[in-house]
Amino acid sequence: MTDGDWYDDSDYESAVKRSERVTRVGWTAILGVTGVVGVAAIAAVVVCLAAVVGGVYVVMVANR
């Protein structure tokens, strides 16, 4: 019984390692996409605020 067939968990251990690696890659992708979406949302808010301030400025100048 020295060949290890009776207690060979190498297939299961390699599957666990692969699943852990895929899980890390998945979470990295999720965090990356979330970060990009967050930055895009902040940029959209800044652009909208700049448009509002610009519109208020145009109205103020036009009413002088």
N, C-alpha and C. Protein backbone atom coordinates (compact mmCIF):
# COMPACT_ATOMS: atom_id res chain seq x y z
N MET A 1 0.82 -1.20 0.00
CA MET A 1 0.00 0.00 0.00
C MET A 1 0.86 1.26 0.00
N THR A 2 1.99 1.15 -0.56
CA THR A 2 2.85 2.32 -0.61
C THR A 2 2.62 3.14 -1.86
N ASP A 3 1.76 2.70 -2.77
CA ASP A 3 1.54 3.45 -4.00
C ASP A 3 0.58 4.61 -3.81
N GLY A 4 -0.12 4.69 -2.70
CA GLY A 4 -0.95 5.85 -2.38
C GLY A 4 -2.33 5.81 -3.00
N ASP A 5 -2.72 4.74 -3.65
CA ASP A 5 -4.04 4.69 -4.27
C ASP A 5 -5.18 4.70 -3.28
N TRP A 6 -4.95 4.21 -2.12
CA TRP A 6 -6.03 4.10 -1.14
C TRP A 6 -6.40 5.45 -0.52
N TYR A 7 -5.53 6.44 -0.62
CA TYR A 7 -5.81 7.75 -0.04
C TYR A 7 -5.23 8.82 -0.96
N ASP A 8 -5.67 8.83 -2.18
CA ASP A 8 -5.14 9.78 -3.15
C ASP A 8 -6.13 10.92 -3.33
N ASP A 9 -5.85 12.03 -2.67
CA ASP A 9 -6.71 13.21 -2.76
C ASP A 9 -6.13 14.27 -3.68
N SER A 10 -5.17 13.90 -4.51
CA SER A 10 -4.53 14.92 -5.34
C SER A 10 -5.51 15.55 -6.32
N ASP A 11 -6.48 14.80 -6.84
CA ASP A 11 -7.47 15.38 -7.75
C ASP A 11 -8.33 16.40 -7.03
N TYR A 12 -8.73 16.08 -5.83
CA TYR A 12 -9.56 17.02 -5.06
C TYR A 12 -8.77 18.25 -4.65
N GLU A 13 -7.54 18.05 -4.25
CA GLU A 13 -6.70 19.18 -3.85
C GLU A 13 -6.41 20.11 -5.02
N SER A 14 -6.17 19.53 -6.18
CA SER A 14 -5.93 20.39 -7.35
C SER A 14 -7.22 21.12 -7.75
N ALA A 15 -8.35 20.47 -7.59
CA ALA A 15 -9.62 21.15 -7.88
C ALA A 15 -9.86 22.30 -6.92
N VAL A 16 -9.51 22.11 -5.66
CA VAL A 16 -9.67 23.18 -4.67
C VAL A 16 -8.74 24.34 -5.01
N LYS A 17 -7.51 24.03 -5.38
CA LYS A 17 -6.57 25.10 -5.75
C LYS A 17 -7.05 25.86 -6.97
N ARG A 18 -7.56 25.14 -7.97
CA ARG A 18 -8.08 25.81 -9.17
C ARG A 18 -9.27 26.68 -8.83
N SER A 19 -10.17 26.18 -7.99
CA SER A 19 -11.35 26.97 -7.64
C SER A 19 -10.98 28.20 -6.82
N GLU A 20 -9.99 28.07 -5.96
CA GLU A 20 -9.54 29.25 -5.20
C GLU A 20 -8.92 30.28 -6.12
N ARG A 21 -8.15 29.83 -7.11
CA ARG A 21 -7.54 30.76 -8.05
C ARG A 21 -8.61 31.46 -8.89
N VAL A 22 -9.59 30.70 -9.36
CA VAL A 22 -10.67 31.29 -10.15
C VAL A 22 -11.49 32.25 -9.30
N THR A 23 -11.69 31.92 -8.04
CA THR A 23 -12.42 32.81 -7.14
C THR A 23 -11.68 34.13 -6.96
N ARG A 24 -10.35 34.06 -6.78
CA ARG A 24 -9.56 35.29 -6.65
C ARG A 24 -9.65 36.13 -7.91
N VAL A 25 -9.56 35.49 -9.07
CA VAL A 25 -9.65 36.22 -10.34
C VAL A 25 -11.04 36.85 -10.48
N GLY A 26 -12.06 36.11 -10.09
CA GLY A 26 -13.42 36.64 -10.17
C GLY A 26 -13.64 37.84 -9.29
N TRP A 27 -13.16 37.75 -8.04
CA TRP A 27 -13.32 38.89 -7.13
C TRP A 27 -12.51 40.09 -7.61
N THR A 28 -11.33 39.84 -8.18
CA THR A 28 -10.53 40.94 -8.72
C THR A 28 -11.28 41.61 -9.87
N ALA A 29 -11.90 40.82 -10.73
CA ALA A 29 -12.67 41.39 -11.83
C ALA A 29 -13.87 42.18 -11.32
N ILE A 30 -14.56 41.63 -10.33
CA ILE A 30 -15.72 42.33 -9.76
C ILE A 30 -15.29 43.66 -9.15
N LEU A 31 -14.21 43.65 -8.39
CA LEU A 31 -13.74 44.89 -7.77
C LEU A 31 -13.27 45.89 -8.81
N GLY A 32 -12.62 45.41 -9.86
CA GLY A 32 -12.16 46.31 -10.92
C GLY A 32 -13.33 46.97 -11.64
N VAL A 33 -14.33 46.19 -11.99
CA VAL A 33 -15.50 46.75 -12.68
C VAL A 33 -16.25 47.70 -11.77
N THR A 34 -16.38 47.34 -10.50
CA THR A 34 -17.05 48.22 -9.55
C THR A 34 -16.31 49.55 -9.41
N GLY A 35 -14.99 49.48 -9.38
CA GLY A 35 -14.20 50.71 -9.29
C GLY A 35 -14.38 51.58 -10.52
N VAL A 36 -14.36 50.96 -11.69
CA VAL A 36 -14.54 51.73 -12.92
C VAL A 36 -15.93 52.36 -12.98
N VAL A 37 -16.95 51.60 -12.58
CA VAL A 37 -18.31 52.15 -12.57
C VAL A 37 -18.42 53.28 -11.56
N GLY A 38 -17.77 53.13 -10.41
CA GLY A 38 -17.79 54.19 -9.40
C GLY A 38 -17.13 55.46 -9.90
N VAL A 39 -15.99 55.32 -10.55
CA VAL A 39 -15.30 56.50 -11.09
C VAL A 39 -16.15 57.14 -12.19
N ALA A 40 -16.78 56.33 -13.03
CA ALA A 40 -17.64 56.88 -14.08
C ALA A 40 -18.84 57.61 -13.48
N ALA A 41 -19.40 57.08 -12.41
CA ALA A 41 -20.55 57.75 -11.76
C ALA A 41 -20.13 59.08 -11.15
N ILE A 42 -18.98 59.10 -10.52
CA ILE A 42 -18.48 60.35 -9.95
C ILE A 42 -18.22 61.37 -11.05
N ALA A 43 -17.63 60.92 -12.15
CA ALA A 43 -17.37 61.82 -13.27
C ALA A 43 -18.68 62.36 -13.84
N ALA A 44 -19.71 61.53 -13.94
CA ALA A 44 -21.01 61.98 -14.45
C ALA A 44 -21.62 63.02 -13.53
N VAL A 45 -21.50 62.83 -12.23
CA VAL A 45 -22.04 63.80 -11.27
C VAL A 45 -21.29 65.13 -11.41
N VAL A 46 -19.98 65.07 -11.57
CA VAL A 46 -19.20 66.30 -11.72
C VAL A 46 -19.59 67.03 -13.00
N VAL A 47 -19.78 66.30 -14.09
CA VAL A 47 -20.18 66.92 -15.35
C VAL A 47 -21.56 67.55 -15.22
N CYS A 48 -22.48 66.87 -14.56
CA CYS A 48 -23.82 67.43 -14.37
C CYS A 48 -23.79 68.69 -13.51
N LEU A 49 -23.00 68.65 -12.45
CA LEU A 49 -22.89 69.85 -11.60
C LEU A 49 -22.26 71.01 -12.37
N ALA A 50 -21.27 70.72 -13.20
CA ALA A 50 -20.66 71.77 -14.01
C ALA A 50 -21.67 72.33 -15.00
N ALA A 51 -22.51 71.48 -15.57
CA ALA A 51 -23.54 71.95 -16.49
C ALA A 51 -24.55 72.84 -15.77
N VAL A 52 -24.93 72.46 -14.56
CA VAL A 52 -25.87 73.29 -13.80
C VAL A 52 -25.26 74.64 -13.46
N VAL A 53 -24.02 74.63 -13.00
CA VAL A 53 -23.34 75.89 -12.67
C VAL A 53 -23.19 76.74 -13.92
N GLY A 54 -22.84 76.12 -15.05
CA GLY A 54 -22.73 76.87 -16.31
C GLY A 54 -24.07 77.44 -16.74
N GLY A 55 -25.14 76.67 -16.59
CA GLY A 55 -26.46 77.17 -16.94
C GLY A 55 -26.88 78.33 -16.06
N VAL A 56 -26.62 78.22 -14.76
CA VAL A 56 -26.95 79.32 -13.84
C VAL A 56 -26.13 80.56 -14.22
N TYR A 57 -24.88 80.38 -14.57
CA TYR A 57 -24.04 81.51 -14.97
C TYR A 57 -24.59 82.19 -16.23
N VAL A 58 -25.01 81.38 -17.21
CA VAL A 58 -25.57 81.96 -18.45
C VAL A 58 -26.84 82.72 -18.15
N VAL A 59 -27.70 82.21 -17.29
CA VAL A 59 -28.95 82.90 -16.93
C VAL A 59 -28.64 84.20 -16.20
N MET A 60 -27.66 84.17 -15.30
CA MET A 60 -27.30 85.38 -14.55
C MET A 60 -26.73 86.46 -15.48
N VAL A 61 -25.90 86.06 -16.41
CA VAL A 61 -25.29 87.03 -17.35
C VAL A 61 -26.36 87.57 -18.29
N ALA A 62 -27.30 86.72 -18.71
CA ALA A 62 -28.33 87.16 -19.65
C ALA A 62 -29.31 88.12 -18.98
N ASN A 63 -29.48 88.08 -17.68
CA ASN A 63 -30.43 88.93 -17.00
C ASN A 63 -29.83 90.24 -16.50
N ARG A 64 -28.63 90.55 -16.86
CA ARG A 64 -28.03 91.82 -16.41
C ARG A 64 -28.57 92.99 -17.12
